[in-house]
């Protein structure tokens, strides 16, 4: 395994699995966010999923069967003919949500870590990356070697995955008229 140094949407990796939506579902969000420009901030404990598809019978079924029945569901909305979304209230995960914002993924509760690990499984490179982010101790030497720094430096930082970029984790879509919180 080599180190992963590119930015990726942290909310999609660390928060989406907390929704308990099966990985095999037909629809996966194209983007996820933890705040919405001019609507709410990270203090509101929201998680936004944006789907890029027409609102055909298959998507409507998914929306009714999966999104609206989710215990964290707050509302669904339409941005345009091919872009729809859902807002989830993450109050039940308040401590882990705040840990997420701080980028201290190794400090997630055991329950949250287990959900994330279960979602990504234990096969393949992505599962290795996820495990390294949640349990960095075992990967400090690897990251120190890959980055050409002393292991002491990595151990002091401790986390091996960067904090969420709050700018990239903020939805900039126009707030739809049909959004009711």
N, C-alpha and C. Protein backbone atom coordinates (compact mmCIF):
# COMPACT_ATOMS: atom_id res chain seq x y z
N UNK A 1 0.84 -1.18 0.00
CA UNK A 1 0.00 0.00 0.00
C UNK A 1 0.89 1.24 0.00
N UNK A 2 0.54 2.18 -0.84
CA UNK A 2 1.25 3.46 -0.83
C UNK A 2 0.36 4.50 -0.15
N UNK A 3 0.95 5.59 0.25
CA UNK A 3 0.17 6.62 0.93
C UNK A 3 -0.78 7.28 -0.05
N UNK A 4 -1.91 7.76 0.48
CA UNK A 4 -2.89 8.47 -0.33
C UNK A 4 -2.81 9.93 0.03
N UNK A 5 -2.42 10.78 -0.92
CA UNK A 5 -2.17 12.17 -0.61
C UNK A 5 -3.11 13.15 -1.33
N UNK A 6 -3.94 12.67 -2.23
CA UNK A 6 -4.87 13.55 -2.96
C UNK A 6 -6.06 13.89 -2.08
N UNK A 7 -6.66 15.07 -2.30
CA UNK A 7 -7.86 15.42 -1.54
C UNK A 7 -9.04 14.61 -2.08
N UNK A 8 -9.89 14.16 -1.19
CA UNK A 8 -11.14 13.51 -1.56
C UNK A 8 -12.22 14.04 -0.64
N UNK A 9 -13.46 13.91 -1.06
CA UNK A 9 -14.59 14.41 -0.28
C UNK A 9 -14.71 13.59 1.00
N UNK A 10 -14.24 14.17 2.09
CA UNK A 10 -14.18 13.46 3.37
C UNK A 10 -15.56 13.06 3.87
N UNK A 11 -16.56 13.91 3.66
CA UNK A 11 -17.90 13.59 4.15
C UNK A 11 -18.47 12.35 3.46
N UNK A 12 -18.12 12.15 2.20
CA UNK A 12 -18.61 10.98 1.48
C UNK A 12 -18.01 9.69 2.07
N UNK A 13 -16.78 9.77 2.52
CA UNK A 13 -16.09 8.59 3.05
C UNK A 13 -16.44 8.33 4.52
N UNK A 14 -16.47 9.39 5.32
CA UNK A 14 -16.62 9.20 6.76
C UNK A 14 -18.04 9.39 7.29
N UNK A 15 -18.89 10.12 6.60
CA UNK A 15 -20.26 10.34 7.10
C UNK A 15 -21.30 9.52 6.36
N UNK A 16 -21.16 9.36 5.05
CA UNK A 16 -22.16 8.61 4.28
C UNK A 16 -22.41 7.20 4.85
N UNK A 17 -21.38 6.46 5.27
CA UNK A 17 -21.66 5.13 5.83
C UNK A 17 -22.53 5.16 7.08
N UNK A 18 -22.60 6.29 7.77
CA UNK A 18 -23.42 6.38 8.97
C UNK A 18 -24.92 6.39 8.67
N UNK A 19 -25.27 6.57 7.40
CA UNK A 19 -26.68 6.55 7.00
C UNK A 19 -27.22 5.14 6.89
N UNK A 20 -26.35 4.16 6.93
CA UNK A 20 -26.75 2.74 6.81
C UNK A 20 -27.45 2.45 5.48
N UNK A 21 -27.04 3.15 4.44
CA UNK A 21 -27.55 2.86 3.10
C UNK A 21 -26.63 1.81 2.49
N UNK A 22 -27.22 0.76 1.98
CA UNK A 22 -26.44 -0.34 1.42
C UNK A 22 -25.58 0.14 0.25
N UNK A 23 -24.38 -0.37 0.19
CA UNK A 23 -23.46 -0.01 -0.89
C UNK A 23 -23.99 -0.44 -2.26
N UNK A 24 -24.85 -1.44 -2.27
CA UNK A 24 -25.37 -1.99 -3.52
C UNK A 24 -26.55 -1.18 -4.08
N UNK A 25 -26.97 -0.13 -3.41
CA UNK A 25 -28.10 0.67 -3.91
C UNK A 25 -27.77 1.25 -5.28
N UNK A 26 -28.80 1.44 -6.09
CA UNK A 26 -28.64 1.94 -7.46
C UNK A 26 -28.12 3.37 -7.53
N UNK A 27 -28.45 4.17 -6.52
CA UNK A 27 -28.09 5.58 -6.56
C UNK A 27 -27.09 5.90 -5.46
N UNK A 28 -26.04 6.61 -5.87
CA UNK A 28 -24.99 7.05 -4.96
C UNK A 28 -24.83 8.56 -5.19
N UNK A 29 -24.68 9.33 -4.13
CA UNK A 29 -24.55 10.77 -4.35
C UNK A 29 -23.29 11.12 -5.15
N UNK A 30 -23.44 12.11 -6.03
CA UNK A 30 -22.27 12.60 -6.76
C UNK A 30 -21.43 13.50 -5.87
N UNK A 31 -22.10 14.17 -4.93
CA UNK A 31 -21.41 15.04 -3.98
C UNK A 31 -22.09 14.94 -2.63
N UNK A 32 -21.32 15.18 -1.60
CA UNK A 32 -21.85 15.27 -0.24
C UNK A 32 -21.24 16.50 0.42
N UNK A 33 -21.98 17.07 1.35
CA UNK A 33 -21.54 18.30 2.00
C UNK A 33 -21.95 18.31 3.46
N UNK A 34 -21.30 19.18 4.23
CA UNK A 34 -21.63 19.33 5.65
C UNK A 34 -22.14 20.73 5.98
N UNK A 35 -22.20 21.60 4.99
CA UNK A 35 -22.79 22.92 5.17
C UNK A 35 -23.32 23.39 3.82
N UNK A 36 -24.14 24.44 3.86
CA UNK A 36 -24.71 24.99 2.63
C UNK A 36 -24.59 26.50 2.71
N UNK A 37 -23.91 27.04 1.72
CA UNK A 37 -23.66 28.48 1.66
C UNK A 37 -24.96 29.26 1.86
N UNK A 38 -24.97 30.20 2.79
CA UNK A 38 -26.11 31.07 3.09
C UNK A 38 -27.34 30.34 3.63
N UNK A 39 -27.17 29.09 4.07
CA UNK A 39 -28.31 28.35 4.63
C UNK A 39 -27.99 27.80 6.01
N UNK A 40 -26.92 27.00 6.09
CA UNK A 40 -26.49 26.53 7.40
C UNK A 40 -25.01 26.17 7.41
N UNK A 41 -24.46 26.19 8.63
CA UNK A 41 -23.04 25.92 8.82
C UNK A 41 -22.86 24.53 9.43
N UNK A 42 -21.63 24.19 9.69
CA UNK A 42 -21.34 22.89 10.31
C UNK A 42 -21.95 22.78 11.70
N UNK A 43 -22.21 23.90 12.35
CA UNK A 43 -22.83 23.88 13.68
C UNK A 43 -24.24 23.29 13.66
N UNK A 44 -24.86 23.27 12.48
CA UNK A 44 -26.22 22.76 12.36
C UNK A 44 -26.30 21.23 12.25
N UNK A 45 -25.14 20.59 12.16
CA UNK A 45 -25.06 19.12 12.14
C UNK A 45 -25.86 18.50 10.99
N UNK A 46 -25.74 19.06 9.82
CA UNK A 46 -26.43 18.54 8.63
C UNK A 46 -25.45 17.78 7.73
N UNK A 47 -26.01 16.87 6.96
CA UNK A 47 -25.25 16.14 5.96
C UNK A 47 -26.10 16.13 4.69
N UNK A 48 -25.55 16.66 3.61
CA UNK A 48 -26.30 16.84 2.37
C UNK A 48 -25.76 15.89 1.31
N UNK A 49 -26.66 15.18 0.67
CA UNK A 49 -26.30 14.30 -0.44
C UNK A 49 -26.97 14.82 -1.70
N UNK A 50 -26.18 14.99 -2.77
CA UNK A 50 -26.69 15.44 -4.06
C UNK A 50 -26.59 14.29 -5.06
N UNK A 51 -27.71 14.00 -5.72
CA UNK A 51 -27.78 12.92 -6.71
C UNK A 51 -27.97 13.53 -8.09
N UNK A 52 -27.27 13.01 -9.07
CA UNK A 52 -27.35 13.50 -10.44
C UNK A 52 -28.06 12.46 -11.29
N UNK A 53 -29.37 12.66 -11.48
CA UNK A 53 -30.17 11.74 -12.28
C UNK A 53 -31.54 12.35 -12.51
N UNK A 54 -32.26 11.82 -13.48
CA UNK A 54 -33.63 12.30 -13.66
C UNK A 54 -34.49 11.70 -12.56
N UNK A 55 -35.56 12.37 -12.25
CA UNK A 55 -36.45 11.89 -11.19
C UNK A 55 -37.47 10.94 -11.81
N UNK A 56 -36.95 9.82 -12.31
CA UNK A 56 -37.79 8.81 -12.94
C UNK A 56 -38.36 7.88 -11.86
N UNK A 57 -39.11 6.87 -12.28
CA UNK A 57 -39.75 5.95 -11.34
C UNK A 57 -38.73 5.23 -10.46
N UNK A 58 -37.59 4.87 -11.03
CA UNK A 58 -36.56 4.17 -10.26
C UNK A 58 -35.99 5.07 -9.16
N UNK A 59 -35.70 6.33 -9.48
CA UNK A 59 -35.18 7.25 -8.46
C UNK A 59 -36.25 7.55 -7.41
N UNK A 60 -37.51 7.76 -7.84
CA UNK A 60 -38.59 8.02 -6.89
C UNK A 60 -38.75 6.86 -5.92
N UNK A 61 -38.61 5.66 -6.42
CA UNK A 61 -38.69 4.47 -5.56
C UNK A 61 -37.55 4.49 -4.54
N UNK A 62 -36.34 4.78 -5.00
CA UNK A 62 -35.17 4.88 -4.11
C UNK A 62 -35.40 5.97 -3.07
N UNK A 63 -35.88 7.12 -3.52
CA UNK A 63 -36.12 8.25 -2.61
C UNK A 63 -37.12 7.86 -1.51
N UNK A 64 -38.23 7.21 -1.90
CA UNK A 64 -39.25 6.84 -0.93
C UNK A 64 -38.83 5.67 -0.05
N UNK A 65 -38.18 4.70 -0.64
CA UNK A 65 -37.81 3.46 0.06
C UNK A 65 -36.58 3.63 0.95
N UNK A 66 -35.61 4.44 0.48
CA UNK A 66 -34.32 4.54 1.18
C UNK A 66 -34.13 5.89 1.88
N UNK A 67 -34.25 6.96 1.12
CA UNK A 67 -33.94 8.27 1.69
C UNK A 67 -34.98 8.73 2.72
N UNK A 68 -36.25 8.74 2.32
CA UNK A 68 -37.29 9.26 3.20
C UNK A 68 -37.54 8.37 4.42
N UNK A 69 -37.20 7.10 4.32
CA UNK A 69 -37.40 6.19 5.46
C UNK A 69 -36.18 6.11 6.36
N UNK A 70 -35.13 6.80 5.99
CA UNK A 70 -33.91 6.79 6.80
C UNK A 70 -34.18 7.52 8.11
N UNK A 71 -33.70 6.95 9.20
CA UNK A 71 -33.96 7.54 10.53
C UNK A 71 -33.34 8.93 10.69
N UNK A 72 -32.37 9.29 9.86
CA UNK A 72 -31.73 10.60 9.94
C UNK A 72 -32.30 11.60 8.92
N UNK A 73 -33.24 11.14 8.09
CA UNK A 73 -33.82 11.97 7.03
C UNK A 73 -34.46 13.22 7.60
N UNK A 74 -34.18 14.34 6.96
CA UNK A 74 -34.81 15.59 7.34
C UNK A 74 -35.69 16.12 6.21
N UNK A 75 -35.16 16.14 4.99
CA UNK A 75 -35.96 16.59 3.86
C UNK A 75 -35.30 16.18 2.55
N UNK A 76 -36.09 16.14 1.50
CA UNK A 76 -35.59 15.94 0.14
C UNK A 76 -35.94 17.19 -0.66
N UNK A 77 -35.22 17.39 -1.75
CA UNK A 77 -35.43 18.59 -2.56
C UNK A 77 -34.96 18.34 -3.98
N UNK A 78 -35.38 19.22 -4.88
CA UNK A 78 -34.97 19.17 -6.28
C UNK A 78 -34.26 20.47 -6.62
N UNK A 79 -33.09 20.35 -7.22
CA UNK A 79 -32.33 21.53 -7.66
C UNK A 79 -32.71 21.86 -9.10
N UNK A 80 -32.72 20.83 -9.96
CA UNK A 80 -33.19 20.98 -11.33
C UNK A 80 -33.65 19.60 -11.81
N UNK A 81 -33.98 19.48 -13.09
CA UNK A 81 -34.53 18.22 -13.61
C UNK A 81 -33.62 17.01 -13.36
N UNK A 82 -32.33 17.24 -13.31
CA UNK A 82 -31.39 16.13 -13.17
C UNK A 82 -30.55 16.18 -11.89
N UNK A 83 -30.96 16.99 -10.95
CA UNK A 83 -30.19 17.09 -9.70
C UNK A 83 -31.14 17.17 -8.52
N UNK A 84 -31.00 16.21 -7.62
CA UNK A 84 -31.89 16.11 -6.47
C UNK A 84 -31.04 15.89 -5.23
N UNK A 85 -31.63 16.15 -4.09
CA UNK A 85 -30.85 15.97 -2.88
C UNK A 85 -31.67 15.60 -1.67
N UNK A 86 -30.92 15.33 -0.62
CA UNK A 86 -31.51 14.95 0.65
C UNK A 86 -30.63 15.53 1.76
N UNK A 87 -31.28 16.00 2.81
CA UNK A 87 -30.56 16.50 3.97
C UNK A 87 -30.84 15.57 5.14
N UNK A 88 -29.78 15.17 5.80
CA UNK A 88 -29.87 14.30 6.96
C UNK A 88 -29.43 15.08 8.19
N UNK A 89 -30.11 14.83 9.30
CA UNK A 89 -29.77 15.45 10.56
C UNK A 89 -28.83 14.51 11.30
N UNK A 90 -27.62 14.98 11.60
CA UNK A 90 -26.60 14.13 12.20
C UNK A 90 -26.50 14.31 13.72
N UNK A 91 -27.55 14.84 14.32
CA UNK A 91 -27.57 15.07 15.77
C UNK A 91 -27.24 13.79 16.55
N UNK A 92 -27.71 12.65 16.08
CA UNK A 92 -27.42 11.36 16.76
C UNK A 92 -25.93 11.04 16.78
N UNK A 93 -25.19 11.67 15.89
CA UNK A 93 -23.74 11.45 15.77
C UNK A 93 -22.96 12.72 16.11
N UNK A 94 -23.51 13.55 16.95
CA UNK A 94 -22.93 14.87 17.23
C UNK A 94 -21.44 14.79 17.59
N UNK A 95 -21.07 13.92 18.51
CA UNK A 95 -19.66 13.83 18.91
C UNK A 95 -18.77 13.41 17.75
N UNK A 96 -19.19 12.38 17.02
CA UNK A 96 -18.40 11.93 15.87
C UNK A 96 -18.39 12.96 14.75
N UNK A 97 -19.48 13.67 14.57
CA UNK A 97 -19.56 14.73 13.57
C UNK A 97 -18.52 15.82 13.88
N UNK A 98 -18.45 16.22 15.13
CA UNK A 98 -17.48 17.24 15.53
C UNK A 98 -16.05 16.73 15.42
N UNK A 99 -15.84 15.46 15.75
CA UNK A 99 -14.52 14.83 15.57
C UNK A 99 -14.15 14.83 14.09
N UNK A 100 -15.14 14.55 13.23
CA UNK A 100 -14.93 14.57 11.78
C UNK A 100 -14.46 15.95 11.33
N UNK A 101 -15.13 17.01 11.78
CA UNK A 101 -14.79 18.37 11.37
C UNK A 101 -13.36 18.72 11.79
N UNK A 102 -12.94 18.20 12.92
CA UNK A 102 -11.58 18.44 13.41
C UNK A 102 -10.55 17.57 12.70
N UNK A 103 -11.01 16.58 11.92
CA UNK A 103 -10.10 15.70 11.21
C UNK A 103 -9.40 14.69 12.12
N UNK A 104 -10.02 14.35 13.22
CA UNK A 104 -9.44 13.38 14.16
C UNK A 104 -10.15 12.03 14.00
N UNK A 105 -10.09 11.47 12.81
CA UNK A 105 -10.83 10.28 12.44
C UNK A 105 -10.53 9.08 13.34
N UNK A 106 -9.33 8.99 13.84
CA UNK A 106 -8.97 7.87 14.71
C UNK A 106 -9.70 7.94 16.05
N UNK A 107 -10.30 9.07 16.35
CA UNK A 107 -11.01 9.27 17.62
C UNK A 107 -12.51 9.00 17.51
N UNK A 108 -12.98 8.59 16.33
CA UNK A 108 -14.39 8.24 16.18
C UNK A 108 -14.76 7.17 17.21
N UNK A 109 -16.02 7.14 17.58
CA UNK A 109 -16.50 6.08 18.48
C UNK A 109 -16.33 4.73 17.78
N UNK A 110 -16.30 3.70 18.57
CA UNK A 110 -16.15 2.34 18.04
C UNK A 110 -17.31 2.03 17.08
N UNK A 111 -18.52 2.44 17.45
CA UNK A 111 -19.70 2.20 16.62
C UNK A 111 -19.53 2.84 15.24
N UNK A 112 -19.06 4.08 15.21
CA UNK A 112 -18.87 4.79 13.94
C UNK A 112 -17.76 4.15 13.13
N UNK A 113 -16.65 3.83 13.77
CA UNK A 113 -15.56 3.16 13.05
C UNK A 113 -16.05 1.86 12.42
N UNK A 114 -16.82 1.08 13.18
CA UNK A 114 -17.33 -0.20 12.68
C UNK A 114 -18.25 -0.01 11.48
N UNK A 115 -19.10 1.01 11.51
CA UNK A 115 -20.00 1.28 10.37
C UNK A 115 -19.19 1.63 9.12
N UNK A 116 -18.17 2.47 9.30
CA UNK A 116 -17.35 2.89 8.16
C UNK A 116 -16.58 1.69 7.60
N UNK A 117 -15.96 0.92 8.48
CA UNK A 117 -15.20 -0.26 8.04
C UNK A 117 -16.11 -1.28 7.37
N UNK A 118 -17.29 -1.49 7.91
CA UNK A 118 -18.24 -2.45 7.31
C UNK A 118 -18.66 -1.98 5.93
N UNK A 119 -18.93 -0.68 5.78
CA UNK A 119 -19.37 -0.15 4.50
C UNK A 119 -18.33 -0.39 3.42
N UNK A 120 -17.07 -0.16 3.73
CA UNK A 120 -16.02 -0.31 2.72
C UNK A 120 -15.47 -1.73 2.62
N UNK A 121 -15.85 -2.60 3.55
CA UNK A 121 -15.41 -3.99 3.51
C UNK A 121 -13.94 -4.12 3.88
N UNK A 122 -13.45 -5.33 3.71
CA UNK A 122 -12.05 -5.56 4.10
C UNK A 122 -11.21 -6.08 2.94
N UNK A 123 -11.67 -5.83 1.72
CA UNK A 123 -10.93 -6.26 0.54
C UNK A 123 -10.67 -5.05 -0.34
N UNK A 124 -9.47 -4.97 -0.85
CA UNK A 124 -9.14 -3.91 -1.80
C UNK A 124 -8.39 -2.76 -1.16
N UNK A 125 -7.85 -1.94 -2.04
CA UNK A 125 -7.00 -0.84 -1.60
C UNK A 125 -7.76 0.21 -0.81
N UNK A 126 -9.01 0.51 -1.22
CA UNK A 126 -9.74 1.54 -0.48
C UNK A 126 -9.98 1.11 0.96
N UNK A 127 -10.23 -0.17 1.17
CA UNK A 127 -10.45 -0.64 2.55
C UNK A 127 -9.17 -0.48 3.38
N UNK A 128 -8.02 -0.67 2.74
CA UNK A 128 -6.74 -0.45 3.45
C UNK A 128 -6.57 1.02 3.83
N UNK A 129 -6.89 1.91 2.89
CA UNK A 129 -6.79 3.33 3.19
C UNK A 129 -7.71 3.70 4.35
N UNK A 130 -8.94 3.22 4.29
CA UNK A 130 -9.92 3.55 5.34
C UNK A 130 -9.41 3.05 6.68
N UNK A 131 -8.92 1.83 6.71
CA UNK A 131 -8.39 1.29 7.96
C UNK A 131 -7.22 2.14 8.46
N UNK A 132 -6.35 2.56 7.55
CA UNK A 132 -5.20 3.37 7.97
C UNK A 132 -5.65 4.73 8.53
N UNK A 133 -6.73 5.28 7.99
CA UNK A 133 -7.23 6.56 8.48
C UNK A 133 -7.86 6.42 9.87
N UNK A 134 -8.52 5.29 10.10
CA UNK A 134 -9.20 5.07 11.38
C UNK A 134 -8.29 4.50 12.46
N UNK A 135 -7.24 3.79 12.03
CA UNK A 135 -6.29 3.16 12.96
C UNK A 135 -4.87 3.48 12.51
N UNK A 136 -4.47 4.74 12.63
CA UNK A 136 -3.20 5.19 12.04
C UNK A 136 -1.93 4.63 12.68
N UNK A 137 -1.98 4.18 13.92
CA UNK A 137 -0.76 3.70 14.60
C UNK A 137 0.03 2.71 13.75
N UNK A 138 -0.69 1.75 13.19
CA UNK A 138 -0.05 0.69 12.43
C UNK A 138 0.54 1.17 11.10
N UNK A 139 0.22 2.39 10.71
CA UNK A 139 0.64 2.89 9.40
C UNK A 139 1.61 4.07 9.48
N UNK A 140 1.96 4.47 10.69
CA UNK A 140 2.86 5.62 10.84
C UNK A 140 4.19 5.42 10.12
N UNK A 141 4.80 4.26 10.27
CA UNK A 141 6.09 3.99 9.64
C UNK A 141 5.96 4.04 8.11
N UNK A 142 4.94 3.42 7.59
CA UNK A 142 4.71 3.43 6.15
C UNK A 142 4.60 4.86 5.63
N UNK A 143 3.81 5.69 6.30
CA UNK A 143 3.64 7.07 5.87
C UNK A 143 4.93 7.87 6.02
N UNK A 144 5.66 7.64 7.10
CA UNK A 144 6.94 8.33 7.29
C UNK A 144 7.91 7.98 6.16
N UNK A 145 8.00 6.70 5.83
CA UNK A 145 8.88 6.25 4.75
C UNK A 145 8.44 6.83 3.41
N UNK A 146 7.16 6.75 3.11
CA UNK A 146 6.63 7.24 1.83
C UNK A 146 6.82 8.75 1.67
N UNK A 147 6.65 9.47 2.76
CA UNK A 147 6.76 10.93 2.70
C UNK A 147 8.18 11.44 2.95
N UNK A 148 9.08 10.53 3.31
CA UNK A 148 10.47 10.90 3.54
C UNK A 148 10.66 11.78 4.76
N UNK A 149 9.90 11.50 5.81
CA UNK A 149 10.03 12.27 7.05
C UNK A 149 10.31 11.29 8.20
N UNK A 150 10.74 11.83 9.31
CA UNK A 150 10.99 10.97 10.47
C UNK A 150 9.66 10.48 11.04
N UNK A 151 9.66 9.25 11.52
CA UNK A 151 8.44 8.68 12.08
C UNK A 151 7.93 9.52 13.25
N UNK A 152 8.82 10.15 13.97
CA UNK A 152 8.45 11.01 15.09
C UNK A 152 7.50 12.12 14.62
N UNK A 153 7.77 12.66 13.43
CA UNK A 153 6.92 13.72 12.88
C UNK A 153 5.50 13.20 12.65
N UNK A 154 5.39 12.02 12.05
CA UNK A 154 4.08 11.42 11.80
C UNK A 154 3.39 11.10 13.12
N UNK A 155 4.12 10.57 14.06
CA UNK A 155 3.53 10.22 15.36
C UNK A 155 3.02 11.46 16.09
N UNK A 156 3.71 12.59 15.95
CA UNK A 156 3.27 13.83 16.59
C UNK A 156 1.97 14.33 15.97
N UNK A 157 1.87 14.24 14.66
CA UNK A 157 0.64 14.65 13.97
C UNK A 157 -0.45 13.63 14.27
N UNK A 158 -0.07 12.38 14.33
CA UNK A 158 -0.88 11.20 14.63
C UNK A 158 -1.82 10.82 13.49
N UNK A 159 -2.74 11.71 13.11
CA UNK A 159 -3.67 11.40 12.02
C UNK A 159 -2.91 11.38 10.70
N UNK A 160 -3.29 10.46 9.82
CA UNK A 160 -2.60 10.38 8.53
C UNK A 160 -3.51 10.76 7.37
N UNK A 161 -4.68 11.26 7.70
CA UNK A 161 -5.60 11.74 6.68
C UNK A 161 -5.87 13.21 6.99
N UNK A 162 -5.82 14.05 5.99
CA UNK A 162 -5.99 15.49 6.20
C UNK A 162 -7.39 15.83 6.70
N UNK A 163 -7.50 16.96 7.35
CA UNK A 163 -8.79 17.44 7.83
C UNK A 163 -9.67 17.79 6.64
N UNK A 164 -10.99 17.78 6.84
CA UNK A 164 -11.87 18.17 5.72
C UNK A 164 -11.61 19.62 5.32
N UNK A 165 -11.60 19.86 4.03
CA UNK A 165 -11.51 21.22 3.51
C UNK A 165 -12.93 21.78 3.55
N UNK A 166 -13.22 22.64 4.51
CA UNK A 166 -14.58 23.13 4.71
C UNK A 166 -15.12 23.88 3.49
N UNK A 167 -14.24 24.44 2.69
CA UNK A 167 -14.68 25.09 1.46
C UNK A 167 -15.21 24.05 0.46
N UNK A 168 -14.51 22.94 0.33
CA UNK A 168 -14.94 21.87 -0.59
C UNK A 168 -16.10 21.06 -0.03
N UNK A 169 -16.33 21.16 1.27
CA UNK A 169 -17.41 20.42 1.93
C UNK A 169 -18.64 21.31 2.12
N UNK A 170 -18.67 22.46 1.42
CA UNK A 170 -19.80 23.38 1.49
C UNK A 170 -20.54 23.39 0.16
N UNK A 171 -21.83 23.14 0.20
CA UNK A 171 -22.66 23.16 -1.00
C UNK A 171 -22.83 24.60 -1.46
N UNK A 172 -22.65 24.82 -2.74
CA UNK A 172 -22.76 26.17 -3.31
C UNK A 172 -23.95 26.27 -4.28
N UNK A 173 -24.75 25.23 -4.34
CA UNK A 173 -25.94 25.23 -5.21
C UNK A 173 -26.90 26.32 -4.74
N UNK A 174 -27.65 26.86 -5.69
CA UNK A 174 -28.71 27.82 -5.34
C UNK A 174 -29.70 27.07 -4.44
N UNK A 175 -30.15 27.74 -3.41
CA UNK A 175 -31.10 27.11 -2.48
C UNK A 175 -32.45 26.96 -3.21
N UNK A 176 -32.92 25.72 -3.36
CA UNK A 176 -34.17 25.50 -4.11
C UNK A 176 -35.40 26.04 -3.36
N UNK A 177 -36.37 26.46 -4.13
CA UNK A 177 -37.63 26.95 -3.56
C UNK A 177 -38.37 25.85 -2.81
N UNK A 178 -38.18 24.61 -3.24
CA UNK A 178 -38.91 23.50 -2.63
C UNK A 178 -38.23 22.93 -1.39
N UNK A 179 -37.23 23.61 -0.89
CA UNK A 179 -36.52 23.15 0.30
C UNK A 179 -37.27 23.61 1.54
N UNK A 180 -37.70 22.66 2.34
CA UNK A 180 -38.39 23.01 3.58
C UNK A 180 -37.75 22.26 4.73
N UNK A 181 -37.11 23.02 5.59
CA UNK A 181 -36.42 22.43 6.76
C UNK A 181 -37.31 22.51 7.97
